[in-house]
Amino acid sequence: MIKKKTGVLLSLMLLCSIGAQAQLVTSMRINEVLVINEDNFVDDYGKRNGWIELYNPSAGTVNIGGCFLTDDKDNPKKYPIPKGDVLTRIKPRQHALFWADGVASHGTFHLNFTLDPDKENYIALYDADGRTLVDEITIPAGQQTDISYGRRIDGQDEWGYLEKVTPSTNNLTLDTNEKMDNFKQNDAIGIGMTLTAMAVVFLGLILLFLCFKGVGKAAISASKRRAEKASGETSGKSGGDVSGEILAAISMALYELDEDVHDIENTVLTIQKVKRNYSPWSSKIYGLRETPRK
């Protein structure tokens, strides 16, 4: 019973994958065609021939191996794309280039028919069943040399002549930069660019100066806080507010105590002893009226 359920599940998964693959194949588009190639892209044999470009607009990889390319409405299976070639797996938003050189023996991407420059060229892509039409286009007669006929934008419906031939790449390419063109138009000499560059440089220098200055202040403040913490002091006030006068009085008292000039009692006059070689009170010279005669 379990084996039967497993087989049914695998069958359903296989059918889903086949259906998804078929849906992806039908999303392929003929994207660009060059009928007359004189000075354009060359193939892997160094030859210049007409070519047909296919494009995968889907979001998944498409394997076109087993599908058919033709230039004959009555023969949809004219060129069977070989299976087993890894290059037939076209990744999302990528291209595949087929050479219409009539030499299929040259490889997978060389068709067994050519494009006629003197008449309309019908080109069609058929699914692997040979009946389901994937995409078709009729290239008008009178094509010019080295000018391709393709979609204006890859995968979209509008067709036209492309003077810039783009084999294996996007049909719409940007040769100019809109911003640069606008800049050249409005500032041909480059004064605006110079002033802008100088302003950016000076602004950057100012910002660096402010940053370094702020970092320096923060470092100094942190260093002071660490020093105060280590010495037991704090930058804030504790135990109430102390005025500057009180601090000055305390400092003066400490200074006087250190110099030993402060009275022990504030009501006692202190007379310090003057140390001299003679006594000024008992000296006889102060009691003489005349100089003694010898």
Protein backbone atom coordinates (compact mmCIF):
# COMPACT_ATOMS: atom_id res chain seq x y z
CA MET A 1 0.00 0.00 0.00
CA ILE A 2 2.82 2.36 0.92
CA LYS A 3 4.66 1.53 -2.31
CA LYS A 4 1.55 2.33 -4.35
CA LYS A 5 1.13 5.71 -2.64
CA THR A 6 4.79 6.50 -3.19
CA GLY A 7 4.50 5.59 -6.88
CA VAL A 8 1.41 7.78 -7.29
CA LEU A 9 3.16 10.68 -5.56
CA LEU A 10 6.23 10.38 -7.77
CA SER A 11 4.03 10.21 -10.86
CA LEU A 12 2.21 13.37 -9.86
CA MET A 13 5.50 15.16 -9.21
CA LEU A 14 6.77 14.05 -12.62
CA LEU A 15 3.63 15.25 -14.35
CA CYS A 16 3.82 18.58 -12.53
CA SER A 17 7.45 19.06 -13.55
CA ILE A 18 6.65 18.17 -17.16
CA GLY A 19 3.73 20.60 -17.16
CA ALA A 20 5.87 23.34 -15.67
CA GLN A 21 8.59 22.70 -18.22
CA ALA A 22 6.08 22.79 -21.08
CA GLN A 23 4.70 26.05 -19.77
CA LEU A 24 8.17 27.53 -19.66
CA VAL A 25 8.91 26.43 -23.24
CA THR A 26 5.82 28.21 -24.49
CA SER A 27 7.15 31.42 -22.96
CA MET A 28 10.16 31.47 -25.31
CA ARG A 29 10.19 34.27 -27.89
CA ILE A 30 11.87 34.95 -31.21
CA ASN A 31 13.65 38.17 -30.27
CA GLU A 32 15.86 39.41 -33.11
CA VAL A 33 16.76 38.38 -36.67
CA LEU A 34 19.61 39.49 -38.92
CA VAL A 35 19.15 38.52 -42.59
CA ILE A 36 22.18 40.13 -44.29
CA ASN A 37 25.43 39.83 -42.34
CA GLU A 38 28.49 41.37 -43.99
CA ASP A 39 30.40 43.12 -41.19
CA ASN A 40 28.57 41.85 -38.15
CA PHE A 41 29.02 39.02 -35.66
CA VAL A 42 30.90 35.89 -36.77
CA ASP A 43 30.16 32.31 -35.74
CA ASP A 44 32.52 29.78 -34.15
CA TYR A 45 33.88 28.97 -37.61
CA GLY A 46 34.72 32.59 -38.41
CA LYS A 47 31.86 32.85 -40.92
CA ARG A 48 29.28 35.61 -41.25
CA ASN A 49 25.74 34.40 -41.86
CA GLY A 50 22.24 35.42 -40.93
CA TRP A 51 21.11 34.50 -37.43
CA ILE A 52 18.01 34.10 -35.27
CA GLU A 53 17.99 35.04 -31.58
CA LEU A 54 15.64 33.43 -29.05
CA TYR A 55 14.89 34.98 -25.66
CA ASN A 56 13.66 33.50 -22.38
CA PRO A 57 11.48 36.11 -20.61
CA SER A 58 10.38 33.72 -17.85
CA ALA A 59 11.74 33.44 -14.32
CA GLY A 60 12.89 29.84 -14.81
CA THR A 61 15.43 27.99 -16.93
CA VAL A 62 13.99 26.65 -20.19
CA ASN A 63 15.37 23.63 -22.01
CA ILE A 64 14.60 24.07 -25.72
CA GLY A 65 16.23 20.76 -26.62
CA GLY A 66 13.73 18.77 -28.69
CA CYS A 67 11.87 21.85 -29.94
CA PHE A 68 11.79 22.87 -33.62
CA LEU A 69 12.80 25.92 -35.65
CA THR A 70 11.52 26.34 -39.20
CA ASP A 71 11.16 28.79 -42.06
CA ASP A 72 8.33 26.80 -43.67
CA LYS A 73 4.75 26.91 -42.42
CA ASP A 74 4.10 23.53 -44.02
CA ASN A 75 7.09 21.91 -42.32
CA PRO A 76 7.06 22.83 -38.61
CA LYS A 77 9.68 20.18 -37.79
CA LYS A 78 12.27 21.38 -40.28
CA TYR A 79 15.11 21.79 -37.78
CA PRO A 80 14.93 19.71 -34.59
CA ILE A 81 17.02 21.29 -31.85
CA PRO A 82 19.25 18.46 -30.53
CA LYS A 83 18.65 17.11 -27.04
CA GLY A 84 21.36 16.59 -24.47
CA ASP A 85 23.28 19.83 -25.16
CA VAL A 86 23.70 21.80 -21.92
CA LEU A 87 23.70 25.03 -23.92
CA THR A 88 20.06 24.51 -24.88
CA ARG A 89 19.13 25.22 -21.25
CA ILE A 90 18.37 28.93 -21.47
CA LYS A 91 18.54 30.72 -18.14
CA PRO A 92 16.02 33.44 -17.14
CA ARG A 93 16.33 36.66 -19.15
CA GLN A 94 19.01 35.11 -21.37
CA HIS A 95 19.38 34.53 -25.11
CA ALA A 96 20.24 31.75 -27.55
CA LEU A 97 21.67 32.48 -31.00
CA PHE A 98 21.08 30.16 -33.99
CA TRP A 99 23.04 30.57 -37.24
CA ALA A 100 21.00 30.29 -40.44
CA ASP A 101 23.89 28.97 -42.52
CA GLY A 102 22.31 25.77 -43.85
CA VAL A 103 25.05 23.60 -42.32
CA ALA A 104 23.47 21.72 -39.42
CA SER A 105 26.54 19.51 -39.14
CA HIS A 106 28.45 22.45 -37.63
CA GLY A 107 26.67 22.02 -34.32
CA THR A 108 23.52 22.44 -32.26
CA PHE A 109 23.13 26.13 -33.04
CA HIS A 110 23.59 25.87 -36.82
CA LEU A 111 20.31 25.55 -38.73
CA ASN A 112 19.62 23.50 -41.84
CA PHE A 113 18.16 26.48 -43.70
CA THR A 114 19.20 30.02 -44.66
CA LEU A 115 17.47 33.40 -44.82
CA ASP A 116 16.67 34.91 -48.22
CA PRO A 117 17.46 38.64 -48.48
CA ASP A 118 15.23 39.07 -51.55
CA LYS A 119 11.89 38.04 -50.00
CA GLU A 120 9.95 37.74 -46.79
CA ASN A 121 11.31 35.24 -44.31
CA TYR A 122 8.89 33.30 -42.13
CA ILE A 123 10.40 32.01 -38.89
CA ALA A 124 8.63 29.93 -36.26
CA LEU A 125 9.45 28.05 -33.05
CA TYR A 126 7.46 24.90 -32.25
CA ASP A 127 7.27 22.88 -29.07
CA ALA A 128 8.68 19.34 -28.82
CA ASP A 129 5.40 17.81 -30.06
CA GLY A 130 5.87 19.56 -33.44
CA ARG A 131 2.30 20.91 -33.33
CA THR A 132 2.25 23.54 -30.59
CA LEU A 133 3.32 26.92 -32.01
CA VAL A 134 5.42 28.79 -29.47
CA ASP A 135 6.20 31.94 -31.48
CA GLU A 136 6.40 33.11 -35.10
CA ILE A 137 7.38 36.20 -37.05
CA THR A 138 7.55 37.22 -40.71
CA ILE A 139 10.58 39.35 -41.54
CA PRO A 140 9.71 41.92 -44.24
CA ALA A 141 11.52 41.79 -47.59
CA GLY A 142 14.15 44.35 -48.45
CA GLN A 143 16.29 44.05 -45.34
CA GLN A 144 19.35 46.27 -45.15
CA THR A 145 22.89 45.09 -44.61
CA ASP A 146 23.92 44.68 -40.95
CA ILE A 147 20.62 46.09 -39.66
CA SER A 148 18.57 43.60 -37.73
CA TYR A 149 14.81 43.31 -37.27
CA GLY A 150 13.72 42.67 -33.71
CA ARG A 151 11.70 43.61 -30.68
CA ARG A 152 12.30 47.11 -29.38
CA ILE A 153 12.47 45.69 -25.86
CA ASP A 154 13.31 42.04 -25.24
CA GLY A 155 10.25 39.80 -25.16
CA GLN A 156 7.73 42.58 -25.82
CA ASP A 157 5.41 42.91 -28.82
CA GLU A 158 6.75 45.97 -30.64
CA TRP A 159 9.01 45.10 -33.58
CA GLY A 160 11.22 47.36 -35.69
CA TYR A 161 14.60 47.87 -37.33
CA LEU A 162 17.55 47.96 -34.93
CA GLU A 163 20.51 49.92 -36.26
CA LYS A 164 22.53 48.74 -33.31
CA VAL A 165 22.65 44.98 -33.74
CA THR A 166 22.70 43.11 -30.42
CA PRO A 167 23.28 39.36 -30.86
CA SER A 168 23.00 37.40 -27.59
CA THR A 169 22.33 40.54 -25.58
CA ASN A 170 19.54 42.99 -24.77
CA ASN A 171 17.99 44.80 -27.73
CA LEU A 172 17.58 48.00 -25.72
CA THR A 173 20.95 49.27 -24.53
CA LEU A 174 21.78 52.64 -22.98
CA ASP A 175 24.70 54.36 -24.70
CA THR A 176 24.40 57.53 -22.66
CA ASN A 177 24.09 58.42 -19.01
CA GLU A 178 21.18 60.77 -18.43
CA LYS A 179 22.66 62.21 -15.25
CA MET A 180 26.03 62.87 -16.88
CA ASP A 181 24.39 64.48 -19.90
CA ASN A 182 22.35 66.73 -17.63
CA PHE A 183 25.44 67.64 -15.66
CA LYS A 184 27.39 68.52 -18.81
CA GLN A 185 24.54 70.69 -20.01
CA ASN A 186 24.18 72.65 -16.77
CA ASP A 187 27.86 72.78 -15.73
CA ALA A 188 29.99 72.55 -18.84
CA ILE A 189 33.07 74.19 -17.26
CA GLY A 190 32.91 72.21 -14.05
CA ILE A 191 32.70 75.08 -11.58
CA GLY A 192 29.74 73.53 -9.81
CA MET A 193 31.56 70.23 -9.46
CA THR A 194 34.64 71.97 -8.04
CA LEU A 195 32.66 73.97 -5.49
CA THR A 196 30.69 70.91 -4.49
CA ALA A 197 33.85 68.86 -4.01
CA MET A 198 35.49 71.59 -1.92
CA ALA A 199 32.37 71.99 0.21
CA VAL A 200 32.26 68.25 0.84
CA VAL A 201 35.95 68.18 1.83
CA PHE A 202 35.71 71.15 4.20
CA LEU A 203 32.50 69.86 5.71
CA GLY A 204 34.19 66.54 6.33
CA LEU A 205 37.15 68.28 8.01
CA ILE A 206 34.82 70.31 10.25
CA LEU A 207 32.95 67.20 11.27
CA LEU A 208 36.21 65.44 12.06
CA PHE A 209 37.38 68.40 14.16
CA LEU A 210 34.15 68.45 16.15
CA CYS A 211 34.28 64.70 16.67
CA PHE A 212 37.88 64.74 17.90
CA LYS A 213 37.16 67.73 20.13
CA GLY A 214 34.19 66.02 21.70
CA VAL A 215 36.17 62.83 22.21
CA GLY A 216 38.99 64.80 23.86
CA LYS A 217 36.64 66.56 26.27
CA ALA A 218 35.00 63.29 27.17
CA ALA A 219 38.39 61.69 27.81
CA ILE A 220 39.50 64.57 30.05
CA SER A 221 36.26 64.46 32.05
CA ALA A 222 36.60 60.72 32.49
CA SER A 223 40.21 61.12 33.64
CA LYS A 224 39.20 63.75 36.21
CA ARG A 225 36.43 61.57 37.57
CA ARG A 226 38.80 58.66 37.94
CA ALA A 227 41.37 60.86 39.77
CA GLU A 228 38.72 62.22 42.17
CA LYS A 229 37.46 58.75 42.85
CA ALA A 230 40.98 57.50 43.58
CA SER A 231 41.73 60.38 46.03
CA GLY A 232 38.41 60.06 47.82
CA GLU A 233 37.17 63.38 46.51
CA THR A 234 34.08 63.98 44.48
CA SER A 235 33.25 66.69 42.08
CA GLY A 236 29.86 67.20 43.68
CA LYS A 237 29.06 68.81 47.06
CA SER A 238 28.24 66.55 50.02
CA GLY A 239 27.18 67.31 53.61
CA GLY A 240 25.55 70.58 52.67
CA ASP A 241 26.75 73.63 50.72
CA VAL A 242 30.05 75.21 51.90
CA SER A 243 30.69 78.82 50.89
CA GLY A 244 34.00 80.15 49.69
CA GLU A 245 34.39 82.41 52.75
CA ILE A 246 34.29 79.44 55.10
CA LEU A 247 36.85 77.58 53.04
CA ALA A 248 39.09 80.67 53.06
CA ALA A 249 38.83 80.98 56.87
CA ILE A 250 39.67 77.33 57.33
CA SER A 251 42.66 77.68 55.07
CA MET A 252 43.93 80.77 56.95
CA ALA A 253 43.55 79.02 60.30
CA LEU A 254 45.52 76.06 59.06
CA TYR A 255 48.24 78.38 57.72
CA GLU A 256 48.53 80.29 61.04
CA LEU A 257 48.68 77.06 62.98
CA ASP A 258 51.41 75.79 60.75
CA GLU A 259 53.42 79.02 61.20
CA ASP A 260 52.87 78.99 65.04
CA VAL A 261 51.75 82.67 65.19
CA HIS A 262 48.25 82.11 66.56
CA ASP A 263 47.42 82.71 70.20
CA ILE A 264 46.37 79.72 72.21
CA GLU A 265 43.77 81.90 73.90
CA ASN A 266 42.24 84.75 72.04
CA THR A 267 42.07 86.98 75.17
CA VAL A 268 45.80 86.78 75.99
CA LEU A 269 48.34 89.03 74.35
CA THR A 270 51.32 87.07 73.27
CA ILE A 271 54.69 88.79 73.25
CA GLN A 272 57.35 86.85 71.56
CA LYS A 273 60.86 87.00 72.89
CA VAL A 274 63.35 88.78 70.68
CA LYS A 275 66.68 87.09 70.67
CA ARG A 276 69.54 89.64 70.44
CA ASN A 277 73.19 89.80 71.55
CA TYR A 278 72.40 92.53 74.06
CA SER A 279 69.52 93.46 76.34
CA PRO A 280 67.83 96.65 75.15
CA TRP A 281 66.41 97.33 78.66
CA SER A 282 69.57 97.06 80.74
CA SER A 283 72.09 98.49 78.32
CA LYS A 284 74.07 101.36 79.83
CA ILE A 285 74.48 103.17 76.58
CA TYR A 286 70.83 104.24 76.72
CA GLY A 287 71.42 105.95 80.21
CA LEU A 288 74.49 107.98 79.26
CA ARG A 289 74.03 111.65 78.52
CA GLU A 290 77.58 112.21 77.40
CA THR A 291 80.16 110.12 75.82
CA PRO A 292 82.66 108.98 78.47
CA ARG A 293 86.04 110.54 78.29
CA LYS A 294 89.01 108.34 78.11
